[in-house]
Amino acid sequence: MRWGQQVDYLAKSRQFFVPIARDGLIGALQKLDVELRESGRPSILSKKLPISWIGKQIVPGQVGLIDHGGLPKLLIKPGRYPRFPLRNWWARTFKGTKGISDTVIDFQGLTIVQVSQNQAAVISDPQNHIFVIKNSGFAALAVEGTYDVLSIIDQTHLRNVVKDPVTKQTLGWTHEVTMTSQTGANTSQQYVVALFLDIPANNCAILQRGDDLELLPAGQHYITNPNVTLRGLFTCGETQLEMPTKDIFTRDQVPVSLTIYLKWQLTEPLKLTTHGYNTPYEALRDKTQSILTQIVAHLDYSSMVKQRSLGPDSMENGEDASSPFLDALRTRAMDDMHLAALEYGIILKDLAVIDRQFKGEIASTMDKLTTRALQAQVEAANVDRENSNKVKQEQGALSVARIKAQSRNTQADADAYSVVAAAKAAAESTRIAAEAQAQATRLAAEAEADAVKTKAAADMDVTDQYARNMQMLRIEVNKIKAFGSKAIFVPTEGIGAQMGSSMAIGLGASMGRDARA
């Protein structure tokens, strides 16, 4: 049986102790009454019958309490109970009523306890044995001693929060139940008799009994065994922390203080507690200090001051100038710490140096030199940046000029193309106009020729002589109208035409003779 598991007090048969079963509190009281009468003791259930018109009233869901000469009597039937006949009441005193579903009823040695699903009752029996009732109940009459209800616990809302003192993680909740014991005539003392634990998921507790340890998983637990104590609560999830180290001396005797980033997970808490550590941080702190002291003692100040941090990014860079420092931490510290942590049931998942501070006069002097070198580097970087900016500005201006020239060339090409296109359009327009004019002239000539032919054909069709003469006269009139009335028409055919040419020849010869003379 596990230490965290307690013996069920209700499982064992005890005198005048009846667990509350399916028939409820009334059924348990009836069983207890039968057991008392069979043992020759007075009954606890009254034989009086209720009436409806006078007396003390008992409503459904309640029981009446009667002090019968120091012994308990219960009225379990609802109704009214009168005070007569007096022979039945002179030694009896009515003490009121209690609810059947009340958690605790304590009256004249009769103890009734009923707890719900989320409650736990811590009880001390007549022999001062401590037991816990969860999700059940009982009715008992103490013939010798008493059943004392020490506390009713809400198991999901325990009072004390347990946190890791270093990481401040919540590990669980606890609650101690105490009992007052008389240690003298007028003195009393409190003793812890039960411890309740509420352990969240992925956490655990370590119990100790003598030199033996036991792991208690997550859940709701209680401990009443005085030989079992709580060693501690632990989380099995991932934890990360920044840990400062003590001063470590380099090979050239420069003291340095490191700040280490650690990430781990506790997988075997029993190993950790077996080595005497209460938290994983305590185990990792001692090993980390020892391993880093050995590593830094073989390194120079100059190799350490170049690297500001050690993380995944800097580890992947194999060209860092401080590779001895990085390699030593990566290969030795991580490997040694991982092996050392496994001994305590811890898996080390990450290790990094996030800060360091050098101390002493040498460190101060070298810091000044380093600061000057860094300033020179910054100034050189600023000059390079300014030169680079100027070059970029000139390159930008050149690019702008090149773009503008390309734009002008493009515009000139566009203008030339426009002129050529306009000239081609004008030539094409002229050609089309000339062809149209020629075609119009040709058509006009053809039309005129057709008109002349038609007119001539019409004149030929005239056979009357008089009509022909009249037509000739009309032609003559039109000729004179066209050239004027003073025009002289010379015949070009017949005798008249010959006489004209002879007269011209003679006139010319006469004029030539006169000229020679």
Protein backbone atom coordinates (compact mmCIF):
# COMPACT_ATOMS: atom_id res chain seq x y z
CA MET A 1 0.00 0.00 0.00
CA ARG A 2 1.28 3.45 -0.84
CA TRP A 3 2.03 5.79 2.02
CA GLY A 4 -0.27 8.44 0.61
CA GLN A 5 -3.16 5.97 0.69
CA GLN A 6 -4.94 5.70 4.05
CA VAL A 7 -6.94 2.83 5.53
CA ASP A 8 -10.67 3.27 5.01
CA TYR A 9 -12.03 3.78 8.52
CA LEU A 10 -15.54 2.89 7.41
CA ALA A 11 -14.49 -0.47 5.96
CA LYS A 12 -13.98 -2.02 9.38
CA SER A 13 -16.94 -2.90 11.61
CA ARG A 14 -16.93 -0.89 14.86
CA GLN A 15 -19.25 -0.89 17.84
CA PHE A 16 -22.03 1.69 17.72
CA PHE A 17 -20.60 3.09 14.47
CA VAL A 18 -22.87 2.89 11.41
CA PRO A 19 -21.87 4.27 7.97
CA ILE A 20 -24.56 6.18 6.12
CA ALA A 21 -25.56 4.08 3.11
CA ARG A 22 -28.20 4.38 0.39
CA ASP A 23 -31.07 4.54 2.93
CA GLY A 24 -29.65 7.82 4.27
CA LEU A 25 -29.33 9.19 7.76
CA ILE A 26 -32.68 7.85 9.06
CA GLY A 27 -31.76 4.31 8.02
CA ALA A 28 -28.35 4.64 9.73
CA LEU A 29 -30.01 5.91 12.93
CA GLN A 30 -32.44 3.01 12.92
CA LYS A 31 -29.57 0.52 12.53
CA LEU A 32 -27.65 2.23 15.34
CA ASP A 33 -30.77 2.12 17.56
CA VAL A 34 -31.18 -1.63 16.93
CA GLU A 35 -27.53 -2.21 17.79
CA LEU A 36 -27.87 -0.24 21.04
CA ARG A 37 -31.03 -2.07 22.15
CA GLU A 38 -29.48 -5.44 21.34
CA SER A 39 -26.55 -4.55 23.58
CA GLY A 40 -28.89 -3.64 26.43
CA ARG A 41 -28.42 0.10 26.19
CA PRO A 42 -31.16 2.71 25.97
CA SER A 43 -32.69 3.48 22.61
CA ILE A 44 -31.83 6.75 20.87
CA LEU A 45 -35.07 6.97 18.87
CA SER A 46 -38.13 8.25 20.73
CA LYS A 47 -41.29 6.15 20.74
CA LYS A 48 -43.57 9.18 20.94
CA LEU A 49 -45.97 9.63 18.08
CA PRO A 50 -46.69 13.06 16.63
CA ILE A 51 -50.07 14.82 16.59
CA SER A 52 -51.28 17.68 14.47
CA TRP A 53 -52.72 20.33 16.81
CA ILE A 54 -50.33 21.15 19.72
CA GLY A 55 -46.75 20.80 20.88
CA LYS A 56 -43.23 21.27 19.44
CA GLN A 57 -43.23 21.14 15.68
CA ILE A 58 -40.89 18.92 13.62
CA VAL A 59 -41.01 19.65 9.89
CA PRO A 60 -39.98 17.21 7.15
CA GLY A 61 -36.23 17.17 6.65
CA GLN A 62 -35.51 17.73 10.35
CA VAL A 63 -34.94 15.67 13.48
CA GLY A 64 -35.84 16.76 17.00
CA LEU A 65 -33.26 16.60 19.78
CA ILE A 66 -34.29 15.60 23.32
CA ASP A 67 -31.98 15.50 26.35
CA HIS A 68 -33.24 12.47 28.25
CA GLY A 69 -31.32 12.49 31.49
CA GLY A 70 -28.02 13.15 29.71
CA LEU A 71 -28.72 10.63 26.93
CA PRO A 72 -29.75 11.57 23.38
CA LYS A 73 -33.26 10.98 22.10
CA LEU A 74 -34.28 11.77 18.50
CA LEU A 75 -37.68 12.57 17.00
CA ILE A 76 -37.48 11.47 13.38
CA LYS A 77 -41.15 11.71 12.34
CA PRO A 78 -42.55 15.12 11.31
CA GLY A 79 -45.46 16.58 13.26
CA ARG A 80 -46.17 18.14 16.69
CA TYR A 81 -45.10 16.65 20.01
CA PRO A 82 -46.96 17.84 23.15
CA ARG A 83 -45.44 18.05 26.67
CA PHE A 84 -48.06 15.82 28.31
CA PRO A 85 -48.44 13.44 29.90
CA LEU A 86 -46.03 15.05 32.37
CA ARG A 87 -44.71 11.70 33.55
CA ASN A 88 -42.97 11.42 30.15
CA TRP A 89 -41.41 14.89 30.22
CA TRP A 90 -40.29 15.65 33.76
CA ALA A 91 -36.81 14.20 32.99
CA ARG A 92 -36.72 15.28 29.35
CA THR A 93 -35.70 18.61 27.79
CA PHE A 94 -36.41 19.58 24.17
CA LYS A 95 -33.16 20.93 22.59
CA GLY A 96 -34.46 22.08 19.24
CA THR A 97 -34.10 20.61 15.76
CA LYS A 98 -31.36 19.86 13.25
CA GLY A 99 -31.46 19.35 9.51
CA ILE A 100 -31.13 15.80 8.28
CA SER A 101 -28.66 16.99 5.60
CA ASP A 102 -26.47 19.02 8.01
CA THR A 103 -22.79 18.22 7.68
CA VAL A 104 -22.18 17.76 11.41
CA ILE A 105 -24.63 16.98 14.25
CA ASP A 106 -23.03 16.56 17.68
CA PHE A 107 -25.45 15.97 20.57
CA GLN A 108 -24.99 14.23 23.92
CA GLY A 109 -22.33 11.80 22.64
CA LEU A 110 -24.16 11.17 19.35
CA THR A 111 -22.05 12.25 16.36
CA ILE A 112 -23.38 12.45 12.82
CA VAL A 113 -21.11 13.47 9.93
CA GLN A 114 -22.09 13.78 6.25
CA VAL A 115 -19.72 15.29 3.68
CA SER A 116 -20.32 16.05 0.00
CA GLN A 117 -18.14 15.22 -2.98
CA ASN A 118 -15.78 18.17 -2.54
CA GLN A 119 -15.50 17.97 1.25
CA ALA A 120 -13.40 15.98 3.67
CA ALA A 121 -14.01 15.66 7.40
CA VAL A 122 -11.12 15.10 9.80
CA ILE A 123 -12.30 13.23 12.91
CA SER A 124 -10.74 11.95 16.09
CA ASP A 125 -12.35 8.81 17.53
CA PRO A 126 -12.62 7.97 21.25
CA GLN A 127 -9.14 6.38 21.16
CA ASN A 128 -7.69 9.57 19.54
CA HIS A 129 -7.19 7.80 16.21
CA ILE A 130 -7.42 10.27 13.34
CA PHE A 131 -9.39 9.35 10.25
CA VAL A 132 -10.80 11.20 7.25
CA ILE A 133 -14.25 10.85 5.71
CA LYS A 134 -14.70 11.75 2.03
CA ASN A 135 -17.95 11.66 0.04
CA SER A 136 -19.76 9.61 2.72
CA GLY A 137 -20.81 9.82 6.37
CA PHE A 138 -21.58 7.96 9.55
CA ALA A 139 -23.68 8.01 12.73
CA ALA A 140 -21.95 6.93 15.93
CA LEU A 141 -22.56 6.98 19.66
CA ALA A 142 -19.47 7.21 21.84
CA VAL A 143 -20.00 5.18 25.00
CA GLU A 144 -16.48 5.99 26.23
CA GLY A 145 -14.80 9.13 24.95
CA THR A 146 -16.06 11.25 22.06
CA TYR A 147 -15.95 11.54 18.31
CA ASP A 148 -14.49 15.02 17.70
CA VAL A 149 -14.87 16.66 14.29
CA LEU A 150 -11.60 18.59 13.98
CA SER A 151 -12.19 20.24 10.61
CA ILE A 152 -14.24 20.19 7.39
CA ILE A 153 -11.91 20.72 4.43
CA ASP A 154 -12.69 22.11 0.98
CA GLN A 155 -10.24 19.98 -1.00
CA THR A 156 -10.09 22.25 -4.07
CA HIS A 157 -9.42 25.46 -2.12
CA LEU A 158 -6.67 24.73 0.36
CA ARG A 159 -5.26 27.66 2.29
CA ASN A 160 -1.49 27.57 1.79
CA VAL A 161 0.11 28.08 -1.61
CA VAL A 162 3.47 26.35 -2.13
CA LYS A 163 5.78 28.10 -4.61
CA ASP A 164 9.29 27.41 -5.78
CA PRO A 165 11.49 29.85 -3.84
CA VAL A 166 13.66 30.54 -6.90
CA THR A 167 11.46 30.35 -10.00
CA LYS A 168 8.25 31.41 -8.16
CA GLN A 169 6.27 28.67 -9.89
CA THR A 170 3.17 27.39 -8.09
CA LEU A 171 3.86 23.80 -7.07
CA GLY A 172 0.60 23.08 -5.22
CA TRP A 173 -1.54 23.85 -2.19
CA THR A 174 -1.48 22.42 1.35
CA HIS A 175 -3.54 22.60 4.54
CA GLU A 176 -2.63 21.32 8.00
CA VAL A 177 -5.29 20.22 10.48
CA THR A 178 -4.39 20.53 14.14
CA MET A 179 -5.89 19.11 17.31
CA THR A 180 -5.77 20.62 20.77
CA SER A 181 -4.51 18.23 23.44
CA GLN A 182 -4.47 18.79 27.17
CA THR A 183 -0.87 18.42 28.36
CA GLY A 184 -1.40 19.48 31.94
CA ALA A 185 -3.89 20.75 34.46
CA ASN A 186 -4.27 24.14 32.80
CA THR A 187 -2.17 23.81 29.66
CA SER A 188 -2.96 22.63 26.13
CA GLN A 189 -1.00 22.33 22.92
CA GLN A 190 -1.75 22.16 19.21
CA TYR A 191 -0.61 19.12 17.23
CA VAL A 192 -0.74 18.57 13.48
CA VAL A 193 -2.83 15.46 12.86
CA ALA A 194 -3.55 15.62 9.10
CA LEU A 195 -2.03 17.20 5.99
CA PHE A 196 -4.04 17.80 2.83
CA LEU A 197 -2.35 18.24 -0.58
CA ASP A 198 -3.70 19.55 -3.87
CA ILE A 199 -1.06 18.87 -6.54
CA PRO A 200 -1.73 20.30 -10.03
CA ALA A 201 -1.09 18.42 -13.25
CA ASN A 202 2.54 17.80 -14.23
CA ASN A 203 3.66 18.28 -10.63
CA CYS A 204 4.39 15.79 -7.86
CA ALA A 205 5.27 15.47 -4.18
CA ILE A 206 7.95 13.48 -2.38
CA LEU A 207 6.97 11.73 0.87
CA GLN A 208 9.50 10.52 3.41
CA ARG A 209 9.28 7.77 6.02
CA GLY A 210 12.54 7.27 7.78
CA ASP A 211 15.20 6.95 5.10
CA ASP A 212 12.72 5.86 2.44
CA LEU A 213 11.20 8.19 -0.17
CA GLU A 214 8.07 7.81 -2.27
CA LEU A 215 6.71 9.78 -5.24
CA LEU A 216 3.15 11.09 -4.92
CA PRO A 217 1.55 11.99 -8.30
CA ALA A 218 -0.75 14.92 -9.12
CA GLY A 219 -4.19 14.97 -7.51
CA GLN A 220 -5.86 15.48 -4.12
CA HIS A 221 -4.29 13.61 -1.22
CA TYR A 222 -4.19 13.61 2.58
CA ILE A 223 -1.74 12.20 5.12
CA THR A 224 -2.67 11.13 8.65
CA ASN A 225 0.18 8.73 9.31
CA PRO A 226 2.53 10.44 11.80
CA ASN A 227 5.52 8.52 10.40
CA VAL A 228 5.09 10.03 6.93
CA THR A 229 6.21 13.60 6.25
CA LEU A 230 6.18 15.79 3.18
CA ARG A 231 9.67 16.24 1.77
CA GLY A 232 8.71 18.72 -0.94
CA LEU A 233 6.67 19.59 -4.01
CA PHE A 234 8.23 19.65 -7.50
CA THR A 235 7.25 20.53 -11.04
CA CYS A 236 8.06 18.17 -13.89
CA GLY A 237 7.58 20.83 -16.59
CA GLU A 238 10.24 22.91 -18.32
CA THR A 239 11.81 25.67 -16.23
CA GLN A 240 14.10 28.51 -17.27
CA LEU A 241 16.11 30.90 -15.15
CA GLU A 242 18.91 33.46 -15.27
CA MET A 243 21.58 32.53 -12.74
CA PRO A 244 24.43 34.83 -11.68
CA THR A 245 27.72 33.14 -10.77
CA LYS A 246 30.35 34.02 -8.26
CA ASP A 247 33.57 35.72 -9.37
CA ILE A 248 35.73 33.48 -11.57
CA PHE A 249 39.37 34.21 -12.45
CA THR A 250 40.67 33.91 -16.00
CA ARG A 251 44.07 32.55 -16.86
CA ASP A 252 45.55 36.06 -16.67
CA GLN A 253 43.94 36.59 -13.22
CA VAL A 254 41.10 38.90 -14.29
CA PRO A 255 37.97 38.33 -12.17
CA VAL A 256 34.75 37.94 -14.13
CA SER A 257 31.15 37.45 -13.05
CA LEU A 258 28.88 35.62 -15.50
CA THR A 259 25.11 35.57 -15.88
CA ILE A 260 23.99 32.17 -17.15
CA TYR A 261 20.70 31.28 -18.84
CA LEU A 262 19.57 27.76 -17.91
CA LYS A 263 16.64 25.74 -19.19
CA TRP A 264 15.91 22.36 -17.65
CA GLN A 265 13.24 19.75 -16.92
CA LEU A 266 13.03 17.58 -13.82
CA THR A 267 12.14 14.03 -14.83
CA GLU A 268 13.12 12.00 -11.72
CA PRO A 269 12.45 13.93 -8.50
CA LEU A 270 13.44 10.93 -6.37
CA LYS A 271 17.04 11.21 -7.61
CA LEU A 272 17.14 14.89 -6.72
CA THR A 273 15.85 14.39 -3.17
CA THR A 274 18.08 11.35 -2.67
CA HIS A 275 21.11 13.63 -3.15
CA GLY A 276 19.75 16.01 -0.54
CA TYR A 277 18.57 18.87 -2.77
CA ASN A 278 15.22 20.55 -2.24
CA THR A 279 15.07 22.28 -5.67
CA PRO A 280 16.65 21.55 -9.07
CA TYR A 281 18.21 25.01 -8.99
CA GLU A 282 20.34 24.12 -5.98
CA ALA A 283 21.79 21.10 -7.76
CA LEU A 284 22.43 22.97 -11.03
CA ARG A 285 23.92 26.01 -9.27
CA ASP A 286 26.71 24.07 -7.61
CA LYS A 287 27.60 22.09 -10.74
CA THR A 288 27.43 25.16 -12.99
CA GLN A 289 29.75 27.15 -10.74
CA SER A 290 32.25 24.30 -10.62
CA ILE A 291 32.28 23.61 -14.37
CA LEU A 292 32.45 27.28 -15.40
CA THR A 293 35.31 27.87 -12.97
CA GLN A 294 37.32 25.11 -14.64
CA ILE A 295 36.59 26.42 -18.15
CA VAL A 296 37.19 30.13 -17.52
CA ALA A 297 40.45 29.35 -15.71
CA HIS A 298 41.89 28.21 -19.07
CA LEU A 299 40.75 31.27 -21.03
CA ASP A 300 42.31 34.71 -21.51
CA TYR A 301 40.55 38.00 -20.92
CA SER A 302 41.08 39.03 -24.54
CA SER A 303 39.21 35.99 -25.89
CA MET A 304 36.26 36.54 -23.58
CA VAL A 305 35.82 40.28 -24.03
CA LYS A 306 35.21 39.97 -27.77
CA GLN A 307 32.02 37.95 -27.44
CA ARG A 308 29.06 39.68 -25.85
CA SER A 309 26.67 36.72 -25.67
CA LEU A 310 26.47 33.03 -26.33
CA GLY A 311 23.29 31.76 -27.93
CA PRO A 312 22.05 29.67 -30.86
CA ASP A 313 22.96 32.38 -33.43
CA SER A 314 26.50 32.86 -32.25
CA MET A 315 27.04 29.12 -31.83
CA GLU A 316 26.28 28.52 -35.49
CA ASN A 317 28.85 31.10 -36.60
CA GLY A 318 32.14 29.25 -36.85
CA GLU A 319 34.12 32.32 -37.97
CA ASP A 320 33.82 34.28 -34.69
CA ALA A 321 37.09 35.68 -33.43
CA SER A 322 36.39 34.40 -29.93
CA SER A 323 36.02 30.80 -31.04
CA PRO A 324 38.10 29.41 -28.12
CA PHE A 325 35.66 30.89 -25.63
CA LEU A 326 32.61 29.75 -27.58
CA ASP A 327 33.98 26.30 -28.28
CA ALA A 328 34.89 25.74 -24.64
CA LEU A 329 31.45 26.71 -23.42
CA ARG A 330 29.64 24.85 -26.18
CA THR A 331 31.58 21.60 -26.00
CA ARG A 332 32.62 21.41 -22.37
CA ALA A 333 30.06 23.34 -20.33
CA MET A 334 27.01 22.01 -22.12
CA ASP A 335 28.27 18.43 -22.21
CA ASP A 336 29.52 18.40 -18.63
CA MET A 337 26.37 20.08 -17.32
CA HIS A 338 24.14 17.65 -19.19
CA LEU A 339 25.92 14.65 -17.70
CA ALA A 340 25.94 16.17 -14.23
CA ALA A 341 22.24 17.04 -14.40
CA LEU A 342 21.29 13.49 -15.38
CA GLU A 343 22.78 12.30 -12.11
CA TYR A 344 20.13 14.38 -10.29
CA GLY A 345 17.24 13.35 -12.57
CA ILE A 346 17.40 16.63 -14.53
CA ILE A 347 17.58 17.07 -18.32
CA LEU A 348 19.49 20.25 -19.23
CA LYS A 349 17.99 21.64 -22.44
CA ASP A 350 19.81 24.94 -22.94
CA LEU A 351 22.77 26.86 -21.60
CA ALA A 352 23.88 30.35 -22.60
CA VAL A 353 26.05 33.17 -21.28
CA ILE A 354 23.90 36.29 -21.57
CA ASP A 355 26.14 38.75 -19.70
CA ARG A 356 29.50 39.08 -17.99
CA GLN A 357 31.19 41.73 -15.93
CA PHE A 358 34.95 42.02 -15.60
CA LYS A 359 36.39 43.41 -12.40
CA GLY A 360 39.72 44.76 -11.15
CA GLU A 361 42.22 47.37 -12.44
CA ILE A 362 43.32 45.25 -15.39
CA ALA A 363 39.77 44.86 -16.53
CA SER A 364 39.17 48.61 -16.12
CA THR A 365 42.26 49.47 -18.17
CA MET A 366 41.44 46.94 -20.86
CA ASP A 367 37.87 48.17 -20.94
CA LYS A 368 39.15 51.67 -21.66
CA LEU A 369 41.36 50.36 -24.45
CA THR A 370 38.52 48.32 -25.78
CA THR A 371 36.27 51.37 -25.62
CA ARG A 372 38.79 53.41 -27.61
CA ALA A 373 39.10 50.68 -30.20
CA LEU A 374 35.35 50.47 -30.45
CA GLN A 375 35.12 54.25 -30.83
CA ALA A 376 37.71 54.14 -33.62
CA GLN A 377 35.76 51.38 -35.29
CA VAL A 378 32.58 53.39 -34.96
CA GLU A 379 34.23 56.49 -36.44
CA ALA A 380 35.67 54.47 -39.31
CA ALA A 381 32.29 52.91 -39.87
CA ASN A 382 30.71 56.39 -39.90
CA VAL A 383 33.25 57.63 -42.49
CA ASP A 384 32.65 54.59 -44.63
CA ARG A 385 28.93 55.15 -44.29
CA GLU A 386 29.24 58.81 -45.36
CA ASN A 387 31.41 57.89 -48.36
CA SER A 388 28.99 55.19 -49.29
CA ASN A 389 26.11 57.68 -49.03
CA LYS A 390 27.93 60.17 -51.31
CA VAL A 391 28.69 57.48 -53.86
CA LYS A 392 25.09 56.41 -53.77
CA GLN A 393 23.98 60.04 -54.24
CA GLU A 394 26.25 60.47 -57.31
CA GLN A 395 25.06 57.17 -58.67
CA GLY A 396 21.54 58.35 -58.14
CA ALA A 397 22.16 61.66 -59.95
CA LEU A 398 23.82 59.78 -62.85
CA SER A 399 20.87 57.47 -63.06
CA VAL A 400 18.50 60.44 -63.11
CA ALA A 401 20.49 62.12 -65.95
CA ARG A 402 20.56 58.87 -67.90
CA ILE A 403 16.84 58.51 -67.49
CA LYS A 404 16.26 62.11 -68.60
CA ALA A 405 18.43 61.61 -71.72
CA GLN A 406 16.55 58.47 -72.55
CA SER A 407 13.34 60.42 -72.11
CA ARG A 408 14.49 63.16 -74.49
CA ASN A 409 15.59 60.61 -77.10
CA THR A 410 12.28 58.94 -76.81
CA GLN A 411 10.50 62.29 -77.27
CA ALA A 412 12.62 63.15 -80.37
CA ASP A 413 11.89 59.75 -81.87
CA ALA A 414 8.23 60.32 -81.23
CA ASP A 415 8.33 63.81 -82.87
CA ALA A 416 10.22 62.50 -85.95
CA TYR A 417 7.81 59.69 -86.30
CA SER A 418 4.96 62.20 -86.11
CA VAL A 419 6.50 64.37 -88.94
CA VAL A 420 7.13 61.36 -91.16
CA ALA A 421 3.66 60.09 -90.50
CA ALA A 422 2.20 63.54 -91.30
CA ALA A 423 4.22 63.77 -94.57
CA LYS A 424 3.13 60.32 -95.59
CA ALA A 425 -0.42 61.26 -94.83
CA ALA A 426 -0.16 64.52 -96.88
CA ALA A 427 1.44 62.74 -99.87
CA GLU A 428 -1.19 60.07 -99.74
CA SER A 429 -3.86 62.75 -99.55
CA THR A 430 -2.38 64.61 -102.59
CA ARG A 431 -2.14 61.41 -104.58
CA ILE A 432 -5.72 60.55 -103.82
CA ALA A 433 -6.84 64.11 -104.69
CA ALA A 434 -4.93 64.05 -108.05
CA GLU A 435 -6.35 60.70 -108.95
CA ALA A 436 -9.79 61.99 -108.11
CA GLN A 437 -9.23 65.15 -110.22
CA ALA A 438 -7.94 63.15 -113.16
CA GLN A 439 -10.83 60.80 -112.91
CA ALA A 440 -13.22 63.77 -112.79
CA THR A 441 -11.55 65.39 -115.85
CA ARG A 442 -11.69 62.14 -117.77
CA LEU A 443 -15.30 61.70 -116.92
CA ALA A 444 -16.06 65.30 -117.89
CA ALA A 445 -14.25 64.89 -121.23
CA GLU A 446 -16.04 61.67 -121.92
CA ALA A 447 -19.32 63.34 -121.05
CA GLU A 448 -18.57 66.29 -123.30
CA ALA A 449 -17.51 64.02 -126.17
CA ASP A 450 -20.68 62.01 -125.73
CA ALA A 451 -22.64 65.27 -125.82
CA VAL A 452 -20.90 66.40 -129.06
CA LYS A 453 -21.50 63.00 -130.63
CA THR A 454 -25.08 63.11 -129.59
CA LYS A 455 -25.48 66.62 -130.95
CA ALA A 456 -23.74 65.73 -134.19
CA ALA A 457 -25.92 62.68 -134.56
CA ALA A 458 -28.92 64.87 -133.97
CA ASP A 459 -27.72 67.35 -136.63
CA MET A 460 -27.20 64.53 -139.09
CA ASP A 461 -30.69 63.37 -138.55
CA VAL A 462 -31.98 66.80 -139.80
CA THR A 463 -32.83 66.32 -143.53
CA ASP A 464 -34.82 69.51 -144.26
CA GLN A 465 -32.70 72.10 -146.04
CA TYR A 466 -34.38 75.02 -144.43
CA ALA A 467 -33.73 73.57 -141.00
CA ARG A 468 -30.09 73.08 -141.83
CA ASN A 469 -29.74 76.67 -143.08
CA MET A 470 -31.38 77.93 -139.94
CA GLN A 471 -28.95 75.88 -137.85
CA MET A 472 -25.97 77.28 -139.73
CA LEU A 473 -27.25 80.77 -139.13
CA ARG A 474 -27.60 80.02 -135.42
CA ILE A 475 -24.01 78.81 -135.34
CA GLU A 476 -22.87 81.99 -137.06
CA VAL A 477 -24.78 84.09 -134.55
CA ASN A 478 -23.20 82.23 -131.64
CA LYS A 479 -19.72 82.64 -133.19
CA ILE A 480 -20.19 86.41 -133.54
CA LYS A 481 -21.61 86.52 -129.99
CA ALA A 482 -18.56 84.67 -128.73
CA PHE A 483 -15.89 86.77 -130.49
CA GLY A 484 -17.61 90.11 -130.83
CA SER A 485 -19.13 92.07 -133.70
CA LYS A 486 -15.79 93.51 -134.89
CA ALA A 487 -14.07 90.18 -135.42
CA ILE A 488 -13.11 89.25 -139.04
CA PHE A 489 -13.24 85.60 -139.91
CA VAL A 490 -10.79 84.45 -142.60
CA PRO A 491 -11.77 81.41 -144.54
CA THR A 492 -9.31 78.52 -144.27
CA GLU A 493 -10.60 76.51 -147.22
CA GLY A 494 -11.34 77.20 -150.97
CA ILE A 495 -10.28 80.17 -153.11
CA GLY A 496 -10.48 82.68 -150.36
CA ALA A 497 -8.00 80.66 -148.32
CA GLN A 498 -5.49 80.69 -151.26
CA MET A 499 -5.91 84.43 -151.87
CA GLY A 500 -5.07 85.12 -148.27
CA SER A 501 -1.80 83.20 -148.37
CA SER A 502 -0.72 84.94 -151.70
CA MET A 503 -1.47 88.33 -150.22
CA ALA A 504 0.54 87.44 -147.11
CA ILE A 505 3.51 86.36 -149.19
CA GLY A 506 3.45 89.55 -151.28
CA LEU A 507 3.10 91.71 -148.23
CA GLY A 508 6.06 90.00 -146.66
CA ALA A 509 8.24 90.43 -149.77
CA SER A 510 7.37 94.13 -150.01
CA MET A 511 8.21 94.68 -146.40
CA GLY A 512 11.60 92.95 -146.84
CA ARG A 513 12.51 95.09 -149.86
CA ASP A 514 11.69 98.24 -148.04
CA ALA A 515 13.87 97.14 -145.20
CA ARG A 516 16.93 96.61 -147.47
CA ALA A 517 16.42 99.88 -149.14
